[in-house]
Every structure is written in structure tokens, then in C-alpha cells.
Protein backbone atom coordinates (compact mmCIF):
# COMPACT_ATOMS: atom_id res chain seq x y z
CA MET A 1 -47.48 6.30 3.30
CA LYS A 2 -45.07 6.11 0.35
CA LYS A 3 -43.04 9.00 1.76
CA LEU A 4 -42.87 7.24 5.14
CA VAL A 5 -41.63 4.03 3.49
CA LEU A 6 -38.94 5.98 1.60
CA ILE A 7 -37.81 7.72 4.79
CA LEU A 8 -37.59 4.42 6.68
CA ALA A 9 -35.67 2.83 3.79
CA ALA A 10 -33.23 5.76 3.77
CA ILE A 11 -32.70 5.49 7.54
CA MET A 12 -32.07 1.75 7.25
CA ALA A 13 -29.59 2.32 4.41
CA ILE A 14 -27.71 4.90 6.48
CA ASN A 15 -27.59 2.52 9.46
CA VAL A 16 -26.28 -0.33 7.30
CA GLN A 17 -23.62 1.95 5.81
CA ALA A 18 -22.56 3.18 9.25
CA GLN A 19 -22.32 -0.41 10.53
CA SER A 20 -20.26 -1.41 7.49
CA SER A 21 -17.92 1.54 8.09
CA GLN A 22 -17.48 0.58 11.75
CA GLN A 23 -16.71 -3.04 10.85
CA ALA A 24 -14.15 -1.89 8.26
CA GLU A 25 -12.51 0.47 10.76
CA LYS A 26 -12.28 -2.31 13.35
CA LEU A 27 -10.67 -4.70 10.86
CA LEU A 28 -8.15 -2.09 9.67
CA LYS A 29 -7.18 -1.31 13.26
CA GLU A 30 -6.54 -5.02 13.85
CA VAL A 31 -4.27 -5.11 10.79
CA THR A 32 -2.31 -2.06 11.95
CA SER A 33 -1.97 -3.39 15.51
CA LYS A 34 -0.72 -6.74 14.23
CA VAL A 35 2.01 -5.40 11.95
CA GLN A 36 3.18 -2.73 14.39
CA ALA A 37 4.03 -5.51 16.86
CA TYR A 38 6.67 -6.90 14.47
CA ASP A 39 10.29 -5.79 14.65
CA ASN A 40 10.58 -6.02 10.87
CA MET A 41 8.88 -7.47 7.78
CA VAL A 42 10.30 -8.99 4.60
CA ILE A 43 7.73 -9.23 1.80
CA ASP A 44 7.88 -10.71 -1.69
CA PHE A 45 5.09 -9.53 -3.97
CA LYS A 46 3.69 -9.48 -7.49
CA TYR A 47 3.10 -6.08 -9.07
CA SER A 48 0.78 -5.58 -12.03
CA LEU A 49 -0.38 -2.48 -13.90
CA ASP A 50 -3.28 -2.53 -16.36
CA ASN A 51 -4.84 0.15 -18.52
CA THR A 52 -7.14 -1.33 -21.16
CA ALA A 53 -7.76 1.98 -22.92
CA GLU A 54 -4.02 2.55 -23.46
CA ASN A 55 -3.34 -1.17 -24.09
CA ILE A 56 -0.82 -1.27 -21.23
CA ASN A 57 -0.21 -4.44 -19.26
CA GLN A 58 2.83 -4.89 -17.04
CA GLU A 59 3.60 -7.59 -14.51
CA THR A 60 6.70 -8.13 -12.42
CA ARG A 61 7.91 -9.34 -9.03
CA GLY A 62 9.46 -7.30 -6.26
CA ASP A 63 10.50 -7.46 -2.63
CA VAL A 64 10.69 -5.07 0.28
CA SER A 65 12.26 -5.10 3.75
CA ILE A 66 10.62 -2.81 6.32
CA LYS A 67 11.72 -1.85 9.82
CA GLY A 68 9.77 0.97 11.43
CA ASN A 69 9.54 3.71 8.82
CA ARG A 70 12.74 2.61 7.04
CA TYR A 71 12.66 0.33 4.03
CA VAL A 72 14.52 -1.12 1.05
CA LEU A 73 12.37 -1.75 -2.02
CA ASN A 74 13.50 -3.66 -5.10
CA LEU A 75 11.20 -3.31 -8.11
CA MET A 76 11.67 -3.19 -11.89
CA GLY A 77 15.46 -3.21 -11.68
CA THR A 78 15.54 -0.24 -9.32
CA THR A 79 16.31 -0.10 -5.60
CA GLN A 80 14.72 2.52 -3.36
CA LEU A 81 16.16 2.95 0.12
CA PHE A 82 14.69 5.13 2.87
CA ASP A 83 16.87 5.64 5.94
CA GLY A 84 14.29 7.62 7.88
CA GLN A 85 15.35 11.01 6.48
CA LYS A 86 16.27 10.69 2.82
CA ILE A 87 15.07 8.56 -0.08
CA TYR A 88 17.76 7.05 -2.31
CA THR A 89 16.64 5.76 -5.71
CA ILE A 90 19.38 3.60 -7.20
CA ILE A 91 19.17 2.85 -10.95
CA PRO A 92 21.95 0.40 -11.95
CA GLU A 93 20.99 0.41 -15.66
CA ASP A 94 21.74 4.16 -15.89
CA GLU A 95 24.39 4.16 -13.12
CA GLU A 96 22.44 6.96 -11.51
CA ILE A 97 21.24 7.71 -7.98
CA ASN A 98 18.57 10.27 -7.08
CA ILE A 99 18.60 11.55 -3.50
CA SER A 100 15.70 13.52 -2.02
CA SER A 101 14.47 14.47 1.42
CA TYR A 102 11.33 12.80 2.72
CA SER A 103 8.30 15.03 3.22
CA GLU A 104 5.62 13.93 5.68
CA GLU A 105 3.12 16.09 3.81
CA ASP A 106 3.58 14.17 0.58
CA GLY A 107 0.52 11.92 0.61
CA ASN A 108 0.30 11.28 -3.12
CA SER A 109 1.82 7.81 -3.02
CA ILE A 110 1.58 4.74 -0.84
CA THR A 111 5.17 4.06 0.22
CA PRO A 112 6.21 0.76 1.86
CA SER A 113 6.45 2.42 5.27
CA LYS A 114 2.87 3.72 4.84
CA MET A 115 1.52 0.42 3.55
CA PHE A 116 -0.21 -0.47 6.83
CA THR A 117 -1.22 3.03 7.95
CA PHE A 118 -1.99 5.09 4.81
CA TYR A 119 -5.73 4.51 5.21
CA GLN A 120 -5.90 6.17 8.63
CA ASP A 121 -6.28 9.64 7.12
CA GLY A 122 -8.05 10.91 4.04
CA TYR A 123 -10.27 7.90 3.27
CA ASN A 124 -13.80 6.70 3.85
CA TYR A 125 -14.07 2.93 4.12
CA GLN A 126 -16.73 0.26 3.82
CA MET A 127 -16.73 -3.53 3.97
CA ASP A 128 -16.77 -5.05 0.48
CA ILE A 129 -16.86 -8.61 -0.88
CA LYS A 130 -15.40 -11.68 0.82
CA GLN A 131 -13.54 -14.28 -1.24
CA ASN A 132 -12.04 -17.70 -0.67
CA VAL A 133 -8.52 -17.74 -2.15
CA LYS A 134 -6.90 -21.19 -2.01
CA GLY A 135 -8.54 -21.91 1.34
CA ARG A 136 -7.87 -18.45 2.76
CA GLU A 137 -10.79 -16.16 3.62
CA ILE A 138 -10.02 -12.72 2.18
CA GLN A 139 -12.20 -9.83 3.30
CA TYR A 140 -12.02 -6.71 1.13
CA VAL A 141 -12.33 -3.19 2.47
CA LYS A 142 -13.13 -0.45 -0.03
CA LEU A 143 -11.32 2.83 0.55
CA THR A 144 -12.58 6.00 -1.15
CA PRO A 145 -10.60 9.28 -0.94
CA LYS A 146 -12.36 12.10 0.88
CA ASP A 147 -10.77 14.51 -1.58
CA SER A 148 -13.03 14.52 -4.66
CA ASN A 149 -10.09 15.75 -6.78
CA ALA A 150 -7.80 12.86 -5.86
CA GLU A 151 -6.24 10.89 -8.74
CA ILE A 152 -7.17 7.67 -6.94
CA LYS A 153 -10.75 6.57 -7.57
CA ASN A 154 -10.75 3.83 -4.93
CA ILE A 155 -8.62 1.15 -3.29
CA LEU A 156 -9.65 -2.39 -2.44
CA LEU A 157 -7.63 -3.80 0.43
CA GLY A 158 -7.79 -7.59 0.73
CA ILE A 159 -7.22 -8.81 4.29
CA ASP A 160 -6.68 -12.39 5.46
CA THR A 161 -9.29 -12.70 8.22
CA GLN A 162 -7.25 -15.29 10.12
CA THR A 163 -3.77 -13.74 10.12
CA LYS A 164 -4.93 -10.09 9.80
CA HIS A 165 -2.24 -9.63 7.15
CA ILE A 166 -2.82 -7.73 3.91
CA TYR A 167 -3.15 -10.19 1.02
CA ASN A 168 -3.44 -7.69 -1.80
CA LEU A 169 -4.10 -4.07 -2.71
CA ILE A 170 -6.03 -3.04 -5.82
CA GLN A 171 -5.78 0.65 -6.66
CA THR A 172 -8.01 2.10 -9.38
CA GLN A 173 -7.21 5.57 -10.71
CA ASP A 174 -9.48 8.05 -12.45
CA ASN A 175 -7.74 7.46 -15.79
CA GLY A 176 -8.69 3.77 -15.68
CA THR A 177 -5.27 2.50 -14.62
CA LYS A 178 -5.45 -0.39 -12.16
CA ILE A 179 -2.44 -1.27 -9.98
CA THR A 180 -2.50 -4.57 -8.08
CA ILE A 181 0.02 -5.63 -5.46
CA THR A 182 -0.33 -9.24 -4.27
CA VAL A 183 1.72 -10.56 -1.36
CA LYS A 184 3.43 -13.86 -2.24
CA SER A 185 5.56 -14.25 0.91
CA PHE A 186 5.29 -12.47 4.25
CA LYS A 187 8.07 -13.02 6.80
CA THR A 188 8.49 -11.25 10.11
CA ASN A 189 11.25 -10.62 12.67
CA GLN A 190 14.02 -11.64 10.27
CA PRO A 191 17.79 -11.28 10.98
CA LEU A 192 18.57 -8.16 8.93
CA ALA A 193 22.01 -6.71 8.27
CA LYS A 194 22.76 -3.72 10.54
CA ASN A 195 23.61 -1.52 7.56
CA LEU A 196 20.67 -2.62 5.39
CA PHE A 197 18.98 0.79 5.66
CA THR A 198 22.19 2.81 5.40
CA PHE A 199 23.29 4.36 2.10
CA ASP A 200 27.03 3.96 1.45
CA GLU A 201 28.07 6.39 -1.27
CA ASN A 202 31.49 4.76 -1.56
CA ARG A 203 29.86 1.69 -3.13
CA TYR A 204 28.71 3.78 -6.09
CA SER A 205 31.85 5.72 -7.06
CA SER A 206 31.08 5.34 -10.80
CA TYR A 207 27.45 6.48 -10.47
CA TYR A 208 26.11 9.93 -11.20
CA ILE A 209 24.50 11.22 -8.00
CA ASN A 210 21.64 13.65 -8.46
CA ARG A 211 20.81 15.52 -5.23
CA LEU A 212 17.30 16.84 -5.74
CA ASP A 213 17.24 19.19 -2.75
């Protein structure tokens, strides 16, 4: 009888987990469908990095403009521009620019253009807690890498259940480092400059340009 009870409990647990996974997948698909309908997105965000063991705590603001797979990201005094083929990292403090080709196979980081699709491959997901944040209902989805050797331990993706927009992303790494990105302003279909995603080398005549490939 005890064995039968344990078997039934295990079956019920598996069913609950499968249902949770299906609900999470449905919600993530709604998020992706929503953002892919926009011509562009302009996002202001707060970025924080915490590692208690190393006594590291950083917090700053940033912004990013995204159109398709192209983006311009401003964070920590550095601008990163992706024109669809190459990534340009502009560092005014050092008067230096690093230029590298984009590799589709490079899945180690969550770039702005992957922000709303990175979870489609390489992750298992389950519904997590639901929170009320200043009157907004935020549903968290927990993403766990399928690769057991991944540096990322898990990611919590907070989703506004009404707008289907991402509210925040909390990434926990194996070394205890926690990176949190919280959206402060989310604007869509903005009038962007035609050359916003174009790198003009003539503007940086005094900079050292490092071509990495």
C-alpha cells in the first residue's frame, strides 16, 4: 500500500510539473508574439550586480534601442552598437572602439536582440511565484539551463500578466553572482534616426580602433 501511495504521489508530481511547464511555455510565447509585433522598442532599465561572497555591489542605469536584431545599448559609460553583422563597442573614456563579427553560435550571453527569444532554446522552464508590484501582477517563470555545465544556475523572468511585457530578469550564476535588470520605461514604435544603427568611423577619428577579426 505504501509503495502504491508513493507511486501515485510521484505521478501527480510529474503531472503538476508538466502542467507548470506548459503554462510557462504558453506565457513565454505570448511575450515573444507581443514584442515581435513592434517595429522597434526603446527601453530604460536599472542594472544591478551583487556577489555577497566577494563583497561586490554595483547599480547603474542604462538604455537600449532595438529594431529587429539591431540595437544600440548604453551602459556604464560604454555604447555597444550592432548593425546586424558586426558589434561595435565604443569606450569614450579610453577613446577606443572594439569591432567584432557577430556569431549566431555564441549563446553565452543574453544580448538585447535576444532578450525576448533567448529562452526558446537550451532551457527548461516552470511557473514560479506571482507578485504584486505597485499594482502590477508580475508572474515569474524560472528558466534552468539544460546544459549542466552552464555558468548560469537559473534565470527568473518577471512578466507583467496584463501587458505581456518583461518587467525584470534575475540571473543567478554558479559563483553566486546575481544580475538583475529591471525595466523602468518601455516605449514602442518610436521615431528613430535612420542612421541610429549605422557605425560612422569618421566620427571617431581620434579613437584607436581594434578590429578583433
